[in-house]
Amino acid sequence: MTETAEQLSKKSKILHLATILLGVVGILSITPVTITVFAYGLGYSGYIFSFAYLFLITSIFLIIAKTQLGYYLALIVSFTYIYQVIEEVEHFLIFERTNYPLAGILLFPYLVFLALILLCVIYLTTHLKYKRFYISTSLVVIMGIVLYPLVDGFNKNYYDNVFIMAEFTDQSIELNVKPGFADSRSFTIVTSDKDIGKQIKEYGEYHQGSYLLMNVGIRKNFRYSTLRSITLYKFGDEKVVSKSKWSVTEMKGDLEFLVP
C-alpha cells in the first residue's frame, strides 16, 4: 500500500525527532569514554574518538537544521565508533558479562549507535522507491555486527608473553610457566620435544639447575571463555623451531592468569 504525502511527512517528522534524541543519548553515552581516551592520550585511538565525538555533535546540529548531510555524518560516526570498540565489546560479552559499570560505558553506546544507523537509513530512504531494500540491507549489516562477537569468539587466539623455568630430566622437560619471574601463580607442562629442549638451552639463562626464559611468546586458544590449548611460538625475538601445543588437560596448576 502506497503511503500518502501527509503520512510520509508525519513519518519523517517522527524519525527526525527520534534521530535527534538518539543522537543526544549517543553523545552523552560516549562522553566518559572520549574524556578518558583523550586524557590518557592513547595515540591514534585518541584522535579517532575525539574526532568522532566532535563530528557526532556536528551531525546532530545539522540534523536539527534538517540537512541530509547530518544523517550521512551520523552514519559515518556510528560505523567508526562501532569499528573502534567491537573487539572490546566482544571481550566484554565473553569475559566480563557481570561487569555492570562497563556495560553502561561500553555496551550501551554500542547499541545506541546500532540503532542510530537504522534510524538514519530509514529517514534517508523514506521517499525512495527501493526503501525496503535499503532498510533490509541495513538490518542485515546490523545483524552481522551483532553476531560478529559470537562468531569470532567461537575459536579465537590470544597472544601473551610469559616467564618459563625449565628443568631437564633424563626423559623429559618440565616447564614451570608464570606471568612473570616474581609471580606466585604458575602451572606446569611436561614435554619430551628435543627441538624445544635445544632452543631452551640456547636462549635460556642457566641458573641453579634450571633454565630461565623471559618474554616467551604463547598463543592461547579459547572457545568463548573456555581455554582449550596454548602453543609456544617464540623465545624472546626468536621463533620456536617446533611449535609445541598443549591442551588444557596437559597443564597442571593455576590457569586463571591466561584469561585475556
Protein backbone atom coordinates (compact mmCIF):
# COMPACT_ATOMS: atom_id res chain seq x y z
CA MET A 1 0.00 0.00 0.00
CA THR A 2 1.41 3.38 -1.08
CA GLU A 3 1.80 5.98 1.66
CA THR A 4 0.30 9.43 1.10
CA ALA A 5 2.40 12.60 1.17
CA GLU A 6 0.87 13.50 4.53
CA GLN A 7 1.75 10.11 6.01
CA LEU A 8 5.31 10.35 4.70
CA SER A 9 5.66 13.84 6.15
CA LYS A 10 4.40 12.69 9.55
CA LYS A 11 6.72 9.67 9.46
CA SER A 12 9.69 11.88 8.55
CA LYS A 13 8.97 14.21 11.47
CA ILE A 14 8.85 11.28 13.91
CA LEU A 15 12.09 9.84 12.52
CA HIS A 16 13.68 13.30 12.62
CA LEU A 17 12.83 13.76 16.29
CA ALA A 18 13.82 10.16 17.19
CA THR A 19 17.20 10.56 15.47
CA ILE A 20 17.90 13.79 17.35
CA LEU A 21 17.00 12.22 20.69
CA LEU A 22 19.06 9.10 19.99
CA GLY A 23 21.97 11.24 18.82
CA VAL A 24 21.91 13.23 22.06
CA VAL A 25 21.85 9.96 24.02
CA GLY A 26 24.81 8.80 21.93
CA ILE A 27 26.76 11.97 22.73
CA LEU A 28 26.09 11.61 26.46
CA SER A 29 26.91 7.89 26.46
CA ILE A 30 30.33 8.23 24.80
CA THR A 31 31.38 11.31 26.76
CA PRO A 32 33.09 9.30 29.58
CA VAL A 33 35.00 7.10 27.10
CA THR A 34 36.04 10.09 24.98
CA ILE A 35 37.29 12.05 28.01
CA THR A 36 39.22 9.01 29.31
CA VAL A 37 40.83 8.21 25.96
CA PHE A 38 41.72 11.85 25.33
CA ALA A 39 43.07 12.36 28.87
CA TYR A 40 45.37 9.34 28.64
CA GLY A 41 46.48 10.32 25.15
CA LEU A 42 46.03 6.87 23.64
CA GLY A 43 47.60 7.78 20.31
CA TYR A 44 45.66 7.03 17.14
CA SER A 45 42.56 5.84 19.03
CA GLY A 46 42.50 9.07 21.00
CA TYR A 47 42.28 11.11 17.81
CA ILE A 48 39.60 8.83 16.37
CA PHE A 49 37.38 9.05 19.46
CA SER A 50 37.87 12.82 19.75
CA PHE A 51 37.00 13.50 16.11
CA ALA A 52 34.07 11.07 16.23
CA TYR A 53 32.73 12.90 19.26
CA LEU A 54 33.02 16.32 17.59
CA PHE A 55 31.54 15.06 14.32
CA LEU A 56 28.62 13.46 16.17
CA ILE A 57 27.80 16.79 17.84
CA THR A 58 28.09 18.50 14.45
CA SER A 59 25.82 15.91 12.83
CA ILE A 60 23.10 16.46 15.44
CA PHE A 61 23.12 20.22 14.80
CA LEU A 62 22.89 19.53 11.07
CA ILE A 63 20.02 17.10 11.65
CA ILE A 64 18.21 19.69 13.76
CA ALA A 65 18.63 22.05 10.78
CA LYS A 66 17.05 19.30 8.62
CA THR A 67 20.15 18.84 6.48
CA GLN A 68 20.69 15.38 4.99
CA LEU A 69 24.44 15.80 5.44
CA GLY A 70 23.83 15.44 9.18
CA TYR A 71 22.37 11.96 8.70
CA TYR A 72 25.26 10.86 6.48
CA LEU A 73 27.74 12.23 9.01
CA ALA A 74 25.92 10.41 11.83
CA LEU A 75 26.17 7.18 9.83
CA ILE A 76 29.91 7.62 9.34
CA VAL A 77 30.44 8.38 13.03
CA SER A 78 28.32 5.38 14.08
CA PHE A 79 30.24 2.92 11.91
CA THR A 80 33.57 4.44 13.01
CA TYR A 81 32.72 4.13 16.69
CA ILE A 82 31.46 0.56 16.30
CA TYR A 83 34.62 -0.40 14.40
CA GLN A 84 36.78 1.06 17.18
CA VAL A 85 35.05 -0.74 20.06
CA ILE A 86 33.79 -4.01 18.57
CA GLU A 87 36.77 -6.01 19.88
CA GLU A 88 36.28 -4.55 23.37
CA VAL A 89 32.56 -5.35 23.18
CA GLU A 90 33.42 -8.94 22.23
CA HIS A 91 35.82 -9.18 25.19
CA PHE A 92 33.12 -7.81 27.49
CA LEU A 93 30.46 -10.26 26.26
CA ILE A 94 32.79 -13.25 26.62
CA PHE A 95 34.85 -12.50 29.72
CA GLU A 96 33.23 -9.64 31.67
CA ARG A 97 29.46 -10.03 31.38
CA THR A 98 28.99 -9.37 35.10
CA ASN A 99 30.89 -6.07 34.97
CA TYR A 100 27.76 -3.90 35.00
CA PRO A 101 29.51 -0.48 35.09
CA LEU A 102 31.39 -1.50 31.93
CA ALA A 103 28.09 -2.45 30.31
CA GLY A 104 26.90 1.13 30.73
CA ILE A 105 30.14 2.64 29.45
CA LEU A 106 30.82 0.23 26.57
CA LEU A 107 27.80 -1.87 25.60
CA PHE A 108 25.08 0.78 25.90
CA PRO A 109 26.63 3.30 23.45
CA TYR A 110 27.43 0.39 21.12
CA LEU A 111 23.72 -0.49 20.98
CA VAL A 112 22.76 3.19 20.65
CA PHE A 113 24.93 3.58 17.55
CA LEU A 114 23.49 0.42 16.01
CA ALA A 115 20.00 1.88 16.46
CA LEU A 116 21.21 5.24 15.10
CA ILE A 117 22.41 3.54 11.90
CA LEU A 118 18.97 2.05 11.34
CA LEU A 119 17.14 5.33 12.03
CA CYS A 120 19.39 7.27 9.66
CA VAL A 121 18.89 4.73 6.87
CA ILE A 122 15.11 4.71 7.35
CA TYR A 123 14.96 8.52 7.28
CA LEU A 124 17.20 8.89 4.24
CA THR A 125 15.22 6.30 2.25
CA THR A 126 11.69 7.32 3.29
CA HIS A 127 10.91 8.85 -0.10
CA LEU A 128 12.88 6.37 -2.22
CA LYS A 129 11.26 3.73 -4.40
CA TYR A 130 13.51 0.91 -3.14
CA LYS A 131 13.49 1.92 0.51
CA ARG A 132 12.67 -1.63 1.65
CA PHE A 133 15.83 -2.93 0.00
CA TYR A 134 17.99 -0.33 1.75
CA ILE A 135 16.33 -0.91 5.11
CA SER A 136 16.62 -4.70 4.74
CA THR A 137 20.29 -4.35 3.79
CA SER A 138 20.96 -2.17 6.83
CA LEU A 139 19.24 -4.71 9.06
CA VAL A 140 21.44 -7.48 7.63
CA VAL A 141 24.54 -5.36 8.27
CA ILE A 142 23.44 -4.60 11.83
CA MET A 143 22.68 -8.27 12.46
CA GLY A 144 26.13 -9.16 11.14
CA ILE A 145 27.72 -6.66 13.55
CA VAL A 146 25.70 -8.10 16.45
CA LEU A 147 26.66 -11.68 15.56
CA TYR A 148 30.34 -10.91 14.93
CA PRO A 149 31.45 -11.35 18.59
CA LEU A 150 29.64 -14.71 18.77
CA VAL A 151 31.22 -15.99 15.57
CA ASP A 152 34.69 -14.55 16.18
CA GLY A 153 34.85 -15.76 19.78
CA PHE A 154 33.96 -19.36 18.93
CA ASN A 155 37.56 -20.24 18.09
CA LYS A 156 39.91 -17.34 18.84
CA ASN A 157 43.61 -16.99 19.54
CA TYR A 158 45.05 -14.51 22.04
CA TYR A 159 48.74 -13.72 22.38
CA ASP A 160 50.74 -13.18 25.54
CA ASN A 161 54.26 -13.25 26.99
CA VAL A 162 55.16 -15.42 29.98
CA PHE A 163 58.17 -16.44 32.08
CA ILE A 164 59.29 -20.07 31.95
CA MET A 165 61.60 -22.00 34.24
CA ALA A 166 62.63 -25.24 32.55
CA GLU A 167 64.09 -28.25 34.34
CA PHE A 168 65.58 -31.17 32.40
CA THR A 169 65.30 -34.80 33.47
CA ASP A 170 66.57 -37.90 31.70
CA GLN A 171 63.43 -38.36 29.58
CA SER A 172 61.52 -35.08 29.66
CA ILE A 173 61.49 -31.33 30.29
CA GLU A 174 59.29 -29.76 32.95
CA LEU A 175 58.17 -26.23 32.10
CA ASN A 176 57.04 -24.08 35.00
CA VAL A 177 55.04 -21.24 33.41
CA LYS A 178 54.35 -17.93 35.20
CA PRO A 179 53.09 -14.46 34.23
CA GLY A 180 56.41 -13.05 35.45
CA PHE A 181 59.54 -14.04 37.34
CA ALA A 182 58.33 -12.97 40.80
CA ASP A 183 54.69 -14.05 40.35
CA SER A 184 53.45 -16.91 42.53
CA ARG A 185 50.82 -18.05 40.02
CA SER A 186 52.05 -20.88 37.82
CA PHE A 187 51.27 -24.10 36.01
CA THR A 188 53.50 -26.90 34.75
CA ILE A 189 53.78 -28.71 31.45
CA VAL A 190 55.87 -31.79 30.75
CA THR A 191 57.29 -32.24 27.25
CA SER A 192 59.83 -34.50 25.56
CA ASP A 193 60.26 -32.34 22.45
CA LYS A 194 64.01 -32.37 21.70
CA ASP A 195 63.85 -29.32 19.43
CA ILE A 196 62.22 -27.30 22.23
CA GLY A 197 64.91 -28.56 24.58
CA LYS A 198 67.69 -27.38 22.27
CA GLN A 199 66.19 -23.90 21.99
CA ILE A 200 65.65 -23.65 25.74
CA LYS A 201 69.34 -24.34 26.28
CA GLU A 202 70.26 -21.90 23.53
CA TYR A 203 68.13 -18.93 24.61
CA GLY A 204 67.62 -19.63 28.32
CA GLU A 205 69.77 -18.43 31.20
CA TYR A 206 71.11 -21.32 33.27
CA HIS A 207 70.66 -20.84 37.00
CA GLN A 208 70.89 -23.44 39.79
CA GLY A 209 69.92 -26.41 37.66
CA SER A 210 67.17 -24.68 35.68
CA TYR A 211 66.92 -22.60 32.52
CA LEU A 212 65.16 -19.25 32.87
CA LEU A 213 63.42 -17.74 29.86
CA MET A 214 61.89 -14.25 29.79
CA ASN A 215 59.29 -12.95 27.32
CA VAL A 216 58.28 -16.34 25.97
CA GLY A 217 55.53 -15.88 23.38
CA ILE A 218 52.47 -18.10 23.71
CA ARG A 219 49.30 -18.35 21.65
CA LYS A 220 46.20 -19.11 23.74
CA ASN A 221 43.22 -20.72 22.02
CA PHE A 222 39.79 -20.08 23.53
CA ARG A 223 36.29 -21.18 22.67
CA TYR A 224 34.45 -18.21 24.09
CA SER A 225 35.60 -18.09 27.75
CA THR A 226 36.94 -21.66 27.83
CA LEU A 227 40.67 -22.21 27.40
CA ARG A 228 41.38 -25.08 25.01
CA SER A 229 45.15 -25.04 24.41
CA ILE A 230 48.34 -22.99 24.36
CA THR A 231 51.10 -23.01 21.76
CA LEU A 232 54.69 -21.94 22.35
CA TYR A 233 55.75 -19.90 19.33
CA LYS A 234 58.77 -17.77 20.27
CA PHE A 235 61.57 -17.26 22.79
CA GLY A 236 62.05 -13.51 23.03
CA ASP A 237 62.55 -12.40 19.42
CA GLU A 238 63.42 -15.89 18.16
CA LYS A 239 60.74 -18.11 16.65
CA VAL A 240 60.32 -21.60 18.05
CA VAL A 241 61.56 -24.23 15.61
CA SER A 242 58.99 -26.80 16.70
CA LYS A 243 55.77 -25.10 17.82
CA SER A 244 54.63 -27.28 20.71
CA LYS A 245 50.92 -27.26 21.51
CA TRP A 246 49.38 -28.46 24.76
CA SER A 247 45.74 -28.99 25.59
CA VAL A 248 44.30 -27.67 28.84
CA THR A 249 44.32 -31.22 30.29
CA GLU A 250 48.13 -31.29 29.98
CA MET A 251 48.55 -28.10 32.03
CA LYS A 252 48.61 -28.59 35.81
CA GLY A 253 48.21 -25.64 38.15
CA ASP A 254 46.74 -22.14 38.13
CA LEU A 255 45.46 -21.21 34.66
CA GLU A 256 43.45 -18.14 35.63
CA PHE A 257 46.16 -15.70 34.56
CA LEU A 258 45.82 -16.96 30.98
CA VAL A 259 42.36 -15.41 30.68
CA PRO A 260 42.67 -12.28 28.48
